[in-house]
Amino acid sequence: MSTDRLSDRLAGHQPLVLGLFRIVLGLLFASEGAATLFGVLGRKASPTGDWPFWYAGVIELVCGVLVLLGVATRGAAFLSSGAMAFAYFTEHQQDGLFPLQNGGLAPALFCWGFLLLVFFGPGSLSLPGLLRRGDASSAPTPGQAR
């Protein structure tokens, strides 16, 4: 199979794969927030109002759910990307240059993954897209009475 044909076949699946990427990234981010706020998934809860960890947990949970659902994806992804850049540079960078040295692999990957969503959007399978598709299927055709 030629590379042009392969590229064409793969390009047709980009919205679906981007949507699946968004769902997984949002779920992982929301689980980080839930663990920080509620002390679940083997993590101790951060005390309410504890800077910056409790606030980061709120951002992770709320923005993670928004990204997961594909609601306000670009805005939530922008805030999430910035929060992870902040976390990387204030909490991890001081312990070494590279993420494998300083324990900042997760914030670095989250930061770049969310930045990708800022520019590419939610892809398919977003809640607003699914609701619009449902409305379109129930809408009458031109000339048809409601």
N, C-alpha and C. Protein backbone atom coordinates (compact mmCIF):
# COMPACT_ATOMS: atom_id res chain seq x y z
N MET A 1 0.85 -1.17 0.00
CA MET A 1 0.00 0.00 0.00
C MET A 1 0.90 1.23 0.00
N SER A 2 0.61 2.19 -0.86
CA SER A 2 1.43 3.39 -0.93
C SER A 2 1.18 4.27 0.29
N THR A 3 2.16 5.12 0.56
CA THR A 3 2.03 5.99 1.72
C THR A 3 0.90 7.00 1.53
N ASP A 4 0.63 7.40 0.28
CA ASP A 4 -0.48 8.33 0.03
C ASP A 4 -1.81 7.68 0.37
N ARG A 5 -1.99 6.43 -0.04
CA ARG A 5 -3.24 5.73 0.26
C ARG A 5 -3.39 5.50 1.75
N LEU A 6 -2.28 5.16 2.40
CA LEU A 6 -2.33 4.96 3.85
C LEU A 6 -2.67 6.26 4.55
N SER A 7 -2.05 7.35 4.13
CA SER A 7 -2.36 8.66 4.73
C SER A 7 -3.82 9.02 4.54
N ASP A 8 -4.36 8.76 3.36
CA ASP A 8 -5.77 9.05 3.10
C ASP A 8 -6.68 8.22 3.99
N ARG A 9 -6.36 6.95 4.16
CA ARG A 9 -7.18 6.09 5.02
C ARG A 9 -7.13 6.54 6.47
N LEU A 10 -5.93 6.88 6.94
CA LEU A 10 -5.79 7.32 8.32
C LEU A 10 -6.45 8.67 8.55
N ALA A 11 -6.35 9.58 7.58
CA ALA A 11 -6.93 10.92 7.73
C ALA A 11 -8.44 10.86 7.95
N GLY A 12 -9.09 9.89 7.38
CA GLY A 12 -10.53 9.76 7.57
C GLY A 12 -10.92 9.41 9.00
N HIS A 13 -9.97 8.89 9.76
CA HIS A 13 -10.25 8.49 11.15
C HIS A 13 -9.77 9.53 12.16
N GLN A 14 -9.19 10.63 11.70
CA GLN A 14 -8.65 11.62 12.63
C GLN A 14 -9.67 12.16 13.63
N PRO A 15 -10.88 12.54 13.22
CA PRO A 15 -11.82 13.06 14.23
C PRO A 15 -12.15 12.04 15.32
N LEU A 16 -12.30 10.78 14.95
CA LEU A 16 -12.61 9.74 15.94
C LEU A 16 -11.43 9.54 16.90
N VAL A 17 -10.23 9.43 16.35
CA VAL A 17 -9.05 9.20 17.20
C VAL A 17 -8.81 10.41 18.10
N LEU A 18 -9.00 11.61 17.57
CA LEU A 18 -8.85 12.81 18.39
C LEU A 18 -9.90 12.81 19.51
N GLY A 19 -11.12 12.43 19.20
CA GLY A 19 -12.16 12.34 20.22
C GLY A 19 -11.81 11.32 21.30
N LEU A 20 -11.29 10.17 20.91
CA LEU A 20 -10.89 9.16 21.89
C LEU A 20 -9.72 9.65 22.74
N PHE A 21 -8.76 10.34 22.11
CA PHE A 21 -7.64 10.94 22.83
C PHE A 21 -8.15 11.92 23.88
N ARG A 22 -9.10 12.78 23.49
CA ARG A 22 -9.68 13.76 24.39
C ARG A 22 -10.37 13.08 25.57
N ILE A 23 -11.13 12.04 25.30
CA ILE A 23 -11.85 11.32 26.36
C ILE A 23 -10.88 10.71 27.37
N VAL A 24 -9.85 10.04 26.88
CA VAL A 24 -8.88 9.40 27.77
C VAL A 24 -8.11 10.45 28.57
N LEU A 25 -7.67 11.52 27.90
CA LEU A 25 -6.93 12.58 28.58
C LEU A 25 -7.79 13.23 29.65
N GLY A 26 -9.05 13.51 29.33
CA GLY A 26 -9.96 14.11 30.31
C GLY A 26 -10.22 13.20 31.49
N LEU A 27 -10.40 11.91 31.23
CA LEU A 27 -10.64 10.95 32.31
C LEU A 27 -9.43 10.86 33.24
N LEU A 28 -8.24 10.78 32.66
CA LEU A 28 -7.03 10.71 33.48
C LEU A 28 -6.84 11.97 34.31
N PHE A 29 -7.11 13.13 33.71
CA PHE A 29 -6.95 14.40 34.41
C PHE A 29 -7.99 14.54 35.52
N ALA A 30 -9.23 14.17 35.23
CA ALA A 30 -10.27 14.24 36.25
C ALA A 30 -9.97 13.29 37.41
N SER A 31 -9.39 12.13 37.12
CA SER A 31 -9.05 11.20 38.20
C SER A 31 -7.94 11.77 39.08
N GLU A 32 -7.01 12.52 38.49
CA GLU A 32 -5.98 13.21 39.30
C GLU A 32 -6.64 14.20 40.26
N GLY A 33 -7.59 14.97 39.73
CA GLY A 33 -8.29 15.94 40.56
C GLY A 33 -9.11 15.29 41.66
N ALA A 34 -9.82 14.22 41.32
CA ALA A 34 -10.62 13.51 42.31
C ALA A 34 -9.73 12.95 43.42
N ALA A 35 -8.59 12.41 43.04
CA ALA A 35 -7.66 11.87 44.03
C ALA A 35 -7.15 12.96 44.96
N THR A 36 -6.84 14.12 44.40
CA THR A 36 -6.33 15.23 45.20
C THR A 36 -7.41 15.79 46.13
N LEU A 37 -8.61 15.93 45.63
CA LEU A 37 -9.67 16.57 46.43
C LEU A 37 -10.33 15.64 47.43
N PHE A 38 -10.51 14.37 47.04
CA PHE A 38 -11.31 13.47 47.87
C PHE A 38 -10.51 12.33 48.50
N GLY A 39 -9.22 12.26 48.22
CA GLY A 39 -8.40 11.22 48.83
C GLY A 39 -8.76 9.83 48.36
N VAL A 40 -9.05 9.67 47.08
CA VAL A 40 -9.37 8.37 46.51
C VAL A 40 -8.21 7.90 45.63
N LEU A 41 -8.32 6.68 45.15
CA LEU A 41 -7.32 6.10 44.24
C LEU A 41 -5.92 6.07 44.85
N GLY A 42 -5.87 5.81 46.16
CA GLY A 42 -4.60 5.62 46.83
C GLY A 42 -3.86 6.90 47.18
N ARG A 43 -4.52 8.02 47.12
CA ARG A 43 -3.87 9.29 47.44
C ARG A 43 -4.57 9.94 48.62
N LYS A 44 -3.80 10.64 49.43
CA LYS A 44 -4.36 11.38 50.57
C LYS A 44 -4.92 12.70 50.05
N ALA A 45 -6.08 13.10 50.55
CA ALA A 45 -6.71 14.35 50.13
C ALA A 45 -5.90 15.55 50.57
N SER A 46 -5.85 16.53 49.71
CA SER A 46 -5.19 17.80 50.04
C SER A 46 -6.16 18.62 50.89
N PRO A 47 -5.68 19.27 51.94
CA PRO A 47 -6.58 20.09 52.76
C PRO A 47 -7.23 21.20 51.93
N THR A 48 -8.48 21.49 52.22
CA THR A 48 -9.24 22.51 51.49
C THR A 48 -8.51 23.85 51.56
N GLY A 49 -8.31 24.45 50.39
CA GLY A 49 -7.66 25.76 50.30
C GLY A 49 -6.16 25.71 50.32
N ASP A 50 -5.55 24.54 50.40
CA ASP A 50 -4.09 24.40 50.43
C ASP A 50 -3.50 24.80 49.08
N TRP A 51 -2.70 25.87 49.07
CA TRP A 51 -2.08 26.37 47.83
C TRP A 51 -0.80 25.60 47.56
N PRO A 52 -0.57 25.18 46.35
CA PRO A 52 -1.40 25.23 45.14
C PRO A 52 -2.16 23.94 44.89
N PHE A 53 -1.97 22.96 45.75
CA PHE A 53 -2.45 21.60 45.45
C PHE A 53 -3.96 21.47 45.41
N TRP A 54 -4.67 22.05 46.39
CA TRP A 54 -6.12 21.94 46.39
C TRP A 54 -6.70 22.64 45.17
N TYR A 55 -6.19 23.81 44.85
CA TYR A 55 -6.68 24.56 43.68
C TYR A 55 -6.38 23.82 42.39
N ALA A 56 -5.21 23.20 42.32
CA ALA A 56 -4.89 22.38 41.15
C ALA A 56 -5.86 21.21 41.03
N GLY A 57 -6.24 20.63 42.17
CA GLY A 57 -7.21 19.53 42.15
C GLY A 57 -8.56 19.97 41.61
N VAL A 58 -8.98 21.18 41.96
CA VAL A 58 -10.25 21.71 41.44
C VAL A 58 -10.16 21.88 39.93
N ILE A 59 -9.06 22.48 39.46
CA ILE A 59 -8.86 22.65 38.02
C ILE A 59 -8.83 21.31 37.32
N GLU A 60 -8.12 20.35 37.90
CA GLU A 60 -8.02 19.03 37.27
C GLU A 60 -9.38 18.33 37.19
N LEU A 61 -10.14 18.39 38.25
CA LEU A 61 -11.44 17.71 38.25
C LEU A 61 -12.43 18.39 37.30
N VAL A 62 -12.59 19.69 37.43
CA VAL A 62 -13.58 20.41 36.63
C VAL A 62 -13.18 20.40 35.15
N CYS A 63 -11.96 20.79 34.86
CA CYS A 63 -11.53 20.83 33.46
C CYS A 63 -11.43 19.44 32.87
N GLY A 64 -11.03 18.46 33.67
CA GLY A 64 -10.98 17.09 33.19
C GLY A 64 -12.33 16.58 32.76
N VAL A 65 -13.37 16.88 33.54
CA VAL A 65 -14.73 16.46 33.19
C VAL A 65 -15.19 17.21 31.93
N LEU A 66 -14.91 18.51 31.85
CA LEU A 66 -15.29 19.28 30.66
C LEU A 66 -14.63 18.72 29.41
N VAL A 67 -13.34 18.44 29.49
CA VAL A 67 -12.62 17.88 28.35
C VAL A 67 -13.16 16.48 28.03
N LEU A 68 -13.38 15.68 29.03
CA LEU A 68 -13.93 14.34 28.83
C LEU A 68 -15.24 14.40 28.04
N LEU A 69 -16.11 15.32 28.39
CA LEU A 69 -17.41 15.45 27.73
C LEU A 69 -17.33 16.23 26.42
N GLY A 70 -16.22 16.93 26.20
CA GLY A 70 -16.09 17.74 25.00
C GLY A 70 -16.87 19.04 25.08
N VAL A 71 -17.10 19.53 26.29
CA VAL A 71 -17.84 20.77 26.52
C VAL A 71 -16.81 21.86 26.84
N ALA A 72 -16.85 22.96 26.11
CA ALA A 72 -15.89 24.05 26.29
C ALA A 72 -14.46 23.51 26.26
N THR A 73 -14.21 22.62 25.33
CA THR A 73 -12.95 21.89 25.29
C THR A 73 -11.73 22.79 25.17
N ARG A 74 -11.77 23.73 24.25
CA ARG A 74 -10.59 24.57 24.03
C ARG A 74 -10.25 25.41 25.25
N GLY A 75 -11.24 26.01 25.89
CA GLY A 75 -11.00 26.81 27.08
C GLY A 75 -10.51 25.98 28.25
N ALA A 76 -11.16 24.84 28.47
CA ALA A 76 -10.75 23.96 29.56
C ALA A 76 -9.35 23.40 29.31
N ALA A 77 -9.05 23.08 28.06
CA ALA A 77 -7.73 22.56 27.72
C ALA A 77 -6.66 23.64 27.89
N PHE A 78 -6.99 24.88 27.54
CA PHE A 78 -6.05 25.99 27.70
C PHE A 78 -5.70 26.19 29.18
N LEU A 79 -6.72 26.22 30.03
CA LEU A 79 -6.50 26.37 31.47
C LEU A 79 -5.71 25.18 32.02
N SER A 80 -6.05 23.98 31.58
CA SER A 80 -5.35 22.78 32.05
C SER A 80 -3.89 22.77 31.62
N SER A 81 -3.65 23.15 30.38
CA SER A 81 -2.28 23.20 29.88
C SER A 81 -1.44 24.19 30.69
N GLY A 82 -2.01 25.36 30.95
CA GLY A 82 -1.31 26.36 31.74
C GLY A 82 -1.06 25.90 33.17
N ALA A 83 -2.05 25.24 33.76
CA ALA A 83 -1.89 24.73 35.12
C ALA A 83 -0.77 23.69 35.20
N MET A 84 -0.69 22.85 34.18
CA MET A 84 0.36 21.82 34.18
C MET A 84 1.74 22.43 33.89
N ALA A 85 1.79 23.47 33.07
CA ALA A 85 3.07 24.17 32.87
C ALA A 85 3.51 24.82 34.18
N PHE A 86 2.57 25.44 34.88
CA PHE A 86 2.87 26.04 36.19
C PHE A 86 3.38 24.97 37.15
N ALA A 87 2.69 23.83 37.20
CA ALA A 87 3.10 22.74 38.10
C ALA A 87 4.50 22.26 37.75
N TYR A 88 4.76 22.12 36.46
CA TYR A 88 6.08 21.61 36.05
C TYR A 88 7.18 22.58 36.48
N PHE A 89 7.00 23.86 36.18
CA PHE A 89 8.08 24.81 36.44
C PHE A 89 8.20 25.20 37.90
N THR A 90 7.13 25.12 38.69
CA THR A 90 7.26 25.49 40.10
C THR A 90 7.54 24.31 41.02
N GLU A 91 7.08 23.11 40.64
CA GLU A 91 7.23 21.96 41.53
C GLU A 91 8.30 20.96 41.08
N HIS A 92 8.59 20.91 39.80
CA HIS A 92 9.46 19.85 39.29
C HIS A 92 10.78 20.34 38.72
N GLN A 93 10.78 21.45 38.01
CA GLN A 93 11.96 21.92 37.29
C GLN A 93 13.17 22.10 38.20
N GLN A 94 12.94 22.49 39.43
CA GLN A 94 14.05 22.73 40.36
C GLN A 94 14.83 21.45 40.68
N ASP A 95 14.24 20.28 40.44
CA ASP A 95 14.89 19.02 40.77
C ASP A 95 15.64 18.40 39.60
N GLY A 96 15.72 19.09 38.49
CA GLY A 96 16.45 18.57 37.33
C GLY A 96 15.85 19.11 36.04
N LEU A 97 16.62 19.03 34.97
CA LEU A 97 16.21 19.60 33.71
C LEU A 97 15.14 18.77 33.00
N PHE A 98 15.28 17.47 33.02
CA PHE A 98 14.40 16.60 32.25
C PHE A 98 13.31 15.98 33.12
N PRO A 99 12.12 15.76 32.54
CA PRO A 99 11.01 15.20 33.32
C PRO A 99 11.33 13.87 33.98
N LEU A 100 12.15 13.04 33.37
CA LEU A 100 12.49 11.77 34.02
C LEU A 100 13.38 11.98 35.24
N GLN A 101 14.10 13.09 35.28
CA GLN A 101 14.94 13.40 36.42
C GLN A 101 14.14 13.99 37.57
N ASN A 102 13.14 14.81 37.24
CA ASN A 102 12.49 15.61 38.27
C ASN A 102 11.07 15.15 38.63
N GLY A 103 10.62 14.01 38.09
CA GLY A 103 9.30 13.50 38.42
C GLY A 103 8.17 14.26 37.76
N GLY A 104 8.48 15.05 36.74
CA GLY A 104 7.47 15.88 36.11
C GLY A 104 6.96 15.34 34.79
N LEU A 105 7.06 14.04 34.58
CA LEU A 105 6.62 13.46 33.30
C LEU A 105 5.12 13.65 33.10
N ALA A 106 4.31 13.38 34.09
CA ALA A 106 2.86 13.53 33.95
C ALA A 106 2.46 14.98 33.66
N PRO A 107 2.96 15.97 34.42
CA PRO A 107 2.59 17.35 34.08
C PRO A 107 3.05 17.76 32.68
N ALA A 108 4.22 17.32 32.26
CA ALA A 108 4.70 17.67 30.92
C ALA A 108 3.81 17.06 29.85
N LEU A 109 3.45 15.80 30.00
CA LEU A 109 2.59 15.16 29.01
C LEU A 109 1.18 15.76 29.01
N PHE A 110 0.64 16.03 30.19
CA PHE A 110 -0.67 16.67 30.26
C PHE A 110 -0.63 18.05 29.60
N CYS A 111 0.41 18.82 29.89
CA CYS A 111 0.54 20.16 29.32
C CYS A 111 0.50 20.12 27.80
N TRP A 112 1.29 19.27 27.19
CA TRP A 112 1.36 19.20 25.73
C TRP A 112 0.12 18.54 25.13
N GLY A 113 -0.45 17.57 25.83
CA GLY A 113 -1.69 16.96 25.34
C GLY A 113 -2.84 17.95 25.31
N PHE A 114 -2.96 18.75 26.37
CA PHE A 114 -4.01 19.75 26.40
C PHE A 114 -3.76 20.87 25.40
N LEU A 115 -2.49 21.22 25.20
CA LEU A 115 -2.19 22.24 24.19
C LEU A 115 -2.60 21.77 22.80
N LEU A 116 -2.43 20.50 22.53
CA LEU A 116 -2.90 19.92 21.27
C LEU A 116 -4.40 20.12 21.11
N LEU A 117 -5.16 19.88 22.17
CA LEU A 117 -6.61 20.05 22.10
C LEU A 117 -7.02 21.51 21.93
N VAL A 118 -6.22 22.44 22.46
CA VAL A 118 -6.52 23.86 22.26
C VAL A 118 -6.55 24.17 20.76
N PHE A 119 -5.62 23.61 20.02
CA PHE A 119 -5.50 23.92 18.60
C PHE A 119 -6.36 23.04 17.70
N PHE A 120 -6.59 21.79 18.09
CA PHE A 120 -7.34 20.88 17.23
C PHE A 120 -8.79 20.70 17.63
N GLY A 121 -9.18 21.15 18.80
CA GLY A 121 -10.57 21.03 19.23
C GLY A 121 -10.90 19.64 19.73
N PRO A 122 -12.19 19.38 19.95
CA PRO A 122 -12.59 18.15 20.63
C PRO A 122 -12.63 16.90 19.76
N GLY A 123 -12.59 17.03 18.45
CA GLY A 123 -12.77 15.85 17.62
C GLY A 123 -14.21 15.38 17.68
N SER A 124 -14.42 14.12 17.36
CA SER A 124 -15.80 13.59 17.39
C SER A 124 -16.12 13.08 18.80
N LEU A 125 -17.32 12.63 18.97
CA LEU A 125 -17.82 12.06 20.22
C LEU A 125 -17.94 13.07 21.35
N SER A 126 -18.02 14.37 21.04
CA SER A 126 -18.23 15.36 22.09
C SER A 126 -19.72 15.43 22.40
N LEU A 127 -20.05 15.75 23.62
CA LEU A 127 -21.46 15.84 24.02
C LEU A 127 -22.23 16.86 23.17
N PRO A 128 -21.70 18.07 22.96
CA PRO A 128 -22.44 19.01 22.11
C PRO A 128 -22.63 18.48 20.68
N GLY A 129 -21.62 17.82 20.14
CA GLY A 129 -21.74 17.27 18.80
C GLY A 129 -22.77 16.16 18.72
N LEU A 130 -22.81 15.32 19.74
CA LEU A 130 -23.78 14.23 19.76
C LEU A 130 -25.20 14.77 19.93
N LEU A 131 -25.36 15.82 20.73
CA LEU A 131 -26.68 16.42 20.91
C LEU A 131 -27.15 17.10 19.63
N ARG A 132 -26.23 17.77 18.94
CA ARG A 132 -26.59 18.41 17.67
C ARG A 132 -27.00 17.38 16.65
N ARG A 133 -26.28 16.28 16.60
CA ARG A 133 -26.61 15.21 15.65
C ARG A 133 -27.99 14.65 15.97
N GLY A 134 -28.33 14.51 17.25
CA GLY A 134 -29.65 14.03 17.64
C GLY A 134 -30.74 15.01 17.26
N ASP A 135 -30.47 16.31 17.39
CA ASP A 135 -31.45 17.32 16.98
C ASP A 135 -31.65 17.31 15.48
N ALA A 136 -30.58 17.13 14.74
CA ALA A 136 -30.67 17.15 13.28
C ALA A 136 -31.48 15.97 12.76
N SER A 137 -31.38 14.82 13.43
CA SER A 137 -32.11 13.65 12.96
C SER A 137 -33.61 13.77 13.24
N SER A 138 -33.99 14.57 14.24
CA SER A 138 -35.41 14.71 14.56
C SER A 138 -36.02 15.95 13.89
N ALA A 139 -35.18 16.78 13.25
CA ALA A 139 -35.70 17.98 12.59
C ALA A 139 -36.44 17.60 11.31
N PRO A 140 -37.53 18.29 11.03
CA PRO A 140 -38.28 17.98 9.80
C PRO A 140 -37.50 18.41 8.56
N THR A 141 -37.73 17.72 7.49
CA THR A 141 -37.11 18.10 6.22
C THR A 141 -37.82 19.33 5.68
N PRO A 142 -37.18 20.08 4.78
CA PRO A 142 -37.83 21.28 4.24
C PRO A 142 -39.18 20.93 3.62
N GLY A 143 -40.19 21.72 3.95
CA GLY A 143 -41.53 21.49 3.43
C GLY A 143 -42.37 20.55 4.27
N GLN A 144 -41.75 19.88 5.24
CA GLN A 144 -42.48 18.93 6.10
C GLN A 144 -43.03 19.67 7.30
N ALA A 145 -44.26 19.43 7.65
CA ALA A 145 -44.88 20.08 8.81
C ALA A 145 -44.32 19.48 10.09
N ARG A 146 -44.27 20.30 11.13
CA ARG A 146 -43.78 19.82 12.43
C ARG A 146 -44.85 19.13 13.19
